[in-house]
Amino acid sequence: MVIDPRNLEVVDDEMAQVFRAMTGAQRLKIASDLFRSARGMIASQLTAEHPDWDERRLQEEVARRISHGAV
């Protein structure tokens, strides 16, 4: 996989300090919340685009998109 440096974000020094002060559990909670939010946004978009899809088809497509097609 080729990484395009224009697509990388650099963490601000102050934000890095905030993250370093957190416990591992706090950082994992943030990651989990972001993941759940991303899944919800993708599901909402797909539901609007494909109102005829059942829940299983919707969740399969969400998983495919989250995993970049690896599922």
N, C-alpha and C. Protein backbone atom coordinates (compact mmCIF):
# COMPACT_ATOMS: atom_id res chain seq x y z
N MET A 1 0.84 -1.18 0.00
CA MET A 1 0.00 0.00 0.00
C MET A 1 0.89 1.24 0.00
N VAL A 2 0.57 2.16 -0.88
CA VAL A 2 1.32 3.40 -0.98
C VAL A 2 0.64 4.44 -0.09
N ILE A 3 1.43 5.10 0.73
CA ILE A 3 0.90 6.14 1.62
C ILE A 3 1.19 7.50 1.00
N ASP A 4 0.14 8.25 0.81
CA ASP A 4 0.26 9.60 0.26
C ASP A 4 0.47 10.57 1.42
N PRO A 5 1.65 11.19 1.51
CA PRO A 5 1.92 12.10 2.63
C PRO A 5 0.95 13.27 2.73
N ARG A 6 0.26 13.59 1.64
CA ARG A 6 -0.72 14.68 1.68
C ARG A 6 -1.96 14.29 2.47
N ASN A 7 -2.14 12.99 2.72
CA ASN A 7 -3.32 12.51 3.44
C ASN A 7 -3.04 12.24 4.91
N LEU A 8 -1.85 12.54 5.38
CA LEU A 8 -1.51 12.31 6.78
C LEU A 8 -1.76 13.57 7.59
N GLU A 9 -2.28 13.37 8.77
CA GLU A 9 -2.48 14.49 9.68
C GLU A 9 -1.42 14.40 10.77
N VAL A 10 -0.92 15.55 11.15
CA VAL A 10 0.08 15.62 12.20
C VAL A 10 -0.62 16.07 13.48
N VAL A 11 -0.37 15.35 14.55
CA VAL A 11 -0.99 15.70 15.83
C VAL A 11 -0.29 16.93 16.40
N ASP A 12 -1.08 17.89 16.75
CA ASP A 12 -0.59 19.11 17.38
C ASP A 12 0.13 18.75 18.68
N ASP A 13 1.21 19.43 19.01
CA ASP A 13 1.98 19.13 20.22
C ASP A 13 1.11 19.20 21.48
N GLU A 14 0.23 20.17 21.55
CA GLU A 14 -0.63 20.29 22.73
C GLU A 14 -1.59 19.11 22.83
N MET A 15 -2.14 18.69 21.68
CA MET A 15 -3.06 17.55 21.69
C MET A 15 -2.31 16.26 22.04
N ALA A 16 -1.09 16.13 21.54
CA ALA A 16 -0.28 14.96 21.88
C ALA A 16 -0.05 14.89 23.38
N GLN A 17 0.18 16.04 24.00
CA GLN A 17 0.37 16.09 25.45
C GLN A 17 -0.90 15.64 26.18
N VAL A 18 -2.06 16.06 25.67
CA VAL A 18 -3.33 15.66 26.27
C VAL A 18 -3.49 14.15 26.17
N PHE A 19 -3.19 13.57 24.99
CA PHE A 19 -3.32 12.12 24.82
C PHE A 19 -2.34 11.36 25.72
N ARG A 20 -1.13 11.88 25.86
CA ARG A 20 -0.15 11.21 26.72
C ARG A 20 -0.59 11.18 28.18
N ALA A 21 -1.35 12.19 28.59
CA ALA A 21 -1.80 12.27 29.98
C ALA A 21 -2.97 11.32 30.26
N MET A 22 -3.60 10.80 29.21
CA MET A 22 -4.73 9.90 29.38
C MET A 22 -4.26 8.49 29.70
N THR A 23 -5.14 7.75 30.34
CA THR A 23 -4.86 6.34 30.56
C THR A 23 -5.10 5.59 29.25
N GLY A 24 -4.61 4.38 29.18
CA GLY A 24 -4.86 3.54 28.02
C GLY A 24 -6.35 3.33 27.81
N ALA A 25 -7.07 3.14 28.91
CA ALA A 25 -8.51 2.91 28.82
C ALA A 25 -9.22 4.14 28.24
N GLN A 26 -8.78 5.32 28.61
CA GLN A 26 -9.39 6.54 28.07
C GLN A 26 -9.15 6.66 26.56
N ARG A 27 -7.92 6.35 26.14
CA ARG A 27 -7.61 6.41 24.71
C ARG A 27 -8.39 5.36 23.93
N LEU A 28 -8.53 4.16 24.49
CA LEU A 28 -9.32 3.12 23.84
C LEU A 28 -10.79 3.52 23.73
N LYS A 29 -11.32 4.18 24.75
CA LYS A 29 -12.71 4.64 24.72
C LYS A 29 -12.91 5.65 23.59
N ILE A 30 -11.95 6.56 23.42
CA ILE A 30 -12.04 7.53 22.34
C ILE A 30 -12.03 6.81 20.99
N ALA A 31 -11.12 5.87 20.83
CA ALA A 31 -11.05 5.12 19.57
C ALA A 31 -12.34 4.35 19.31
N SER A 32 -12.88 3.73 20.33
CA SER A 32 -14.13 2.98 20.21
C SER A 32 -15.28 3.91 19.82
N ASP A 33 -15.35 5.06 20.46
CA ASP A 33 -16.41 6.02 20.15
C ASP A 33 -16.30 6.53 18.71
N LEU A 34 -15.07 6.78 18.25
CA LEU A 34 -14.87 7.23 16.88
C LEU A 34 -15.28 6.14 15.88
N PHE A 35 -14.94 4.89 16.19
CA PHE A 35 -15.30 3.77 15.33
C PHE A 35 -16.82 3.63 15.25
N ARG A 36 -17.47 3.69 16.40
CA ARG A 36 -18.93 3.57 16.45
C ARG A 36 -19.58 4.73 15.67
N SER A 37 -19.03 5.92 15.80
CA SER A 37 -19.56 7.08 15.09
C SER A 37 -19.41 6.89 13.58
N ALA A 38 -18.26 6.42 13.15
CA ALA A 38 -18.03 6.19 11.72
C ALA A 38 -19.00 5.15 11.18
N ARG A 39 -19.20 4.06 11.92
CA ARG A 39 -20.15 3.03 11.49
C ARG A 39 -21.56 3.63 11.37
N GLY A 40 -21.93 4.44 12.34
CA GLY A 40 -23.26 5.05 12.32
C GLY A 40 -23.45 5.98 11.14
N MET A 41 -22.43 6.78 10.83
CA MET A 41 -22.53 7.70 9.69
C MET A 41 -22.62 6.94 8.38
N ILE A 42 -21.82 5.89 8.24
CA ILE A 42 -21.88 5.10 7.01
C ILE A 42 -23.24 4.42 6.89
N ALA A 43 -23.74 3.86 7.98
CA ALA A 43 -25.04 3.19 7.96
C ALA A 43 -26.15 4.18 7.60
N SER A 44 -26.10 5.37 8.14
CA SER A 44 -27.11 6.38 7.83
C SER A 44 -27.10 6.75 6.36
N GLN A 45 -25.91 6.93 5.82
CA GLN A 45 -25.79 7.28 4.40
C GLN A 45 -26.32 6.15 3.53
N LEU A 46 -25.94 4.91 3.85
CA LEU A 46 -26.40 3.77 3.06
C LEU A 46 -27.91 3.58 3.16
N THR A 47 -28.47 3.81 4.33
CA THR A 47 -29.92 3.70 4.51
C THR A 47 -30.64 4.71 3.63
N ALA A 48 -30.09 5.93 3.55
CA ALA A 48 -30.70 6.96 2.70
C ALA A 48 -30.57 6.60 1.22
N GLU A 49 -29.44 6.02 0.84
CA GLU A 49 -29.20 5.68 -0.56
C GLU A 49 -29.94 4.41 -0.98
N HIS A 50 -30.13 3.48 -0.03
CA HIS A 50 -30.71 2.16 -0.34
C HIS A 50 -31.80 1.79 0.67
N PRO A 51 -32.92 2.49 0.64
CA PRO A 51 -33.97 2.21 1.62
C PRO A 51 -34.55 0.80 1.50
N ASP A 52 -34.31 0.13 0.39
CA ASP A 52 -34.81 -1.21 0.18
C ASP A 52 -33.94 -2.31 0.80
N TRP A 53 -32.74 -1.96 1.26
CA TRP A 53 -31.84 -2.96 1.83
C TRP A 53 -32.33 -3.40 3.20
N ASP A 54 -32.20 -4.71 3.48
CA ASP A 54 -32.52 -5.19 4.82
C ASP A 54 -31.31 -4.95 5.73
N GLU A 55 -31.50 -5.18 7.02
CA GLU A 55 -30.46 -4.89 8.02
C GLU A 55 -29.18 -5.68 7.74
N ARG A 56 -29.33 -6.93 7.34
CA ARG A 56 -28.14 -7.75 7.08
C ARG A 56 -27.32 -7.17 5.93
N ARG A 57 -27.97 -6.82 4.84
CA ARG A 57 -27.27 -6.24 3.69
C ARG A 57 -26.61 -4.93 4.07
N LEU A 58 -27.30 -4.13 4.85
CA LEU A 58 -26.76 -2.85 5.30
C LEU A 58 -25.49 -3.07 6.13
N GLN A 59 -25.54 -3.96 7.10
CA GLN A 59 -24.39 -4.20 7.97
C GLN A 59 -23.22 -4.82 7.21
N GLU A 60 -23.53 -5.66 6.22
CA GLU A 60 -22.45 -6.24 5.39
C GLU A 60 -21.71 -5.14 4.63
N GLU A 61 -22.47 -4.19 4.09
CA GLU A 61 -21.84 -3.10 3.34
C GLU A 61 -21.08 -2.16 4.26
N VAL A 62 -21.61 -1.90 5.44
CA VAL A 62 -20.89 -1.07 6.42
C VAL A 62 -19.55 -1.74 6.75
N ALA A 63 -19.59 -3.04 7.02
CA ALA A 63 -18.35 -3.77 7.36
C ALA A 63 -17.37 -3.74 6.20
N ARG A 64 -17.87 -3.90 4.98
CA ARG A 64 -16.98 -3.87 3.81
C ARG A 64 -16.29 -2.52 3.69
N ARG A 65 -17.06 -1.46 3.88
CA ARG A 65 -16.47 -0.13 3.74
C ARG A 65 -15.51 0.20 4.87
N ILE A 66 -15.84 -0.20 6.08
CA ILE A 66 -14.96 0.07 7.23
C ILE A 66 -13.63 -0.67 7.06
N SER A 67 -13.70 -1.87 6.47
CA SER A 67 -12.49 -2.70 6.32
C SER A 67 -11.79 -2.47 4.98
N HIS A 68 -12.22 -1.46 4.24
CA HIS A 68 -11.65 -1.14 2.93
C HIS A 68 -11.75 -2.33 1.98
N GLY A 69 -12.87 -3.07 2.06
CA GLY A 69 -13.11 -4.19 1.17
C GLY A 69 -12.50 -5.51 1.59
N ALA A 70 -11.87 -5.56 2.76
CA ALA A 70 -11.21 -6.79 3.21
C ALA A 70 -12.19 -7.82 3.75
N VAL A 71 -13.45 -7.44 3.94
CA VAL A 71 -14.45 -8.39 4.45
C VAL A 71 -15.16 -9.04 3.29
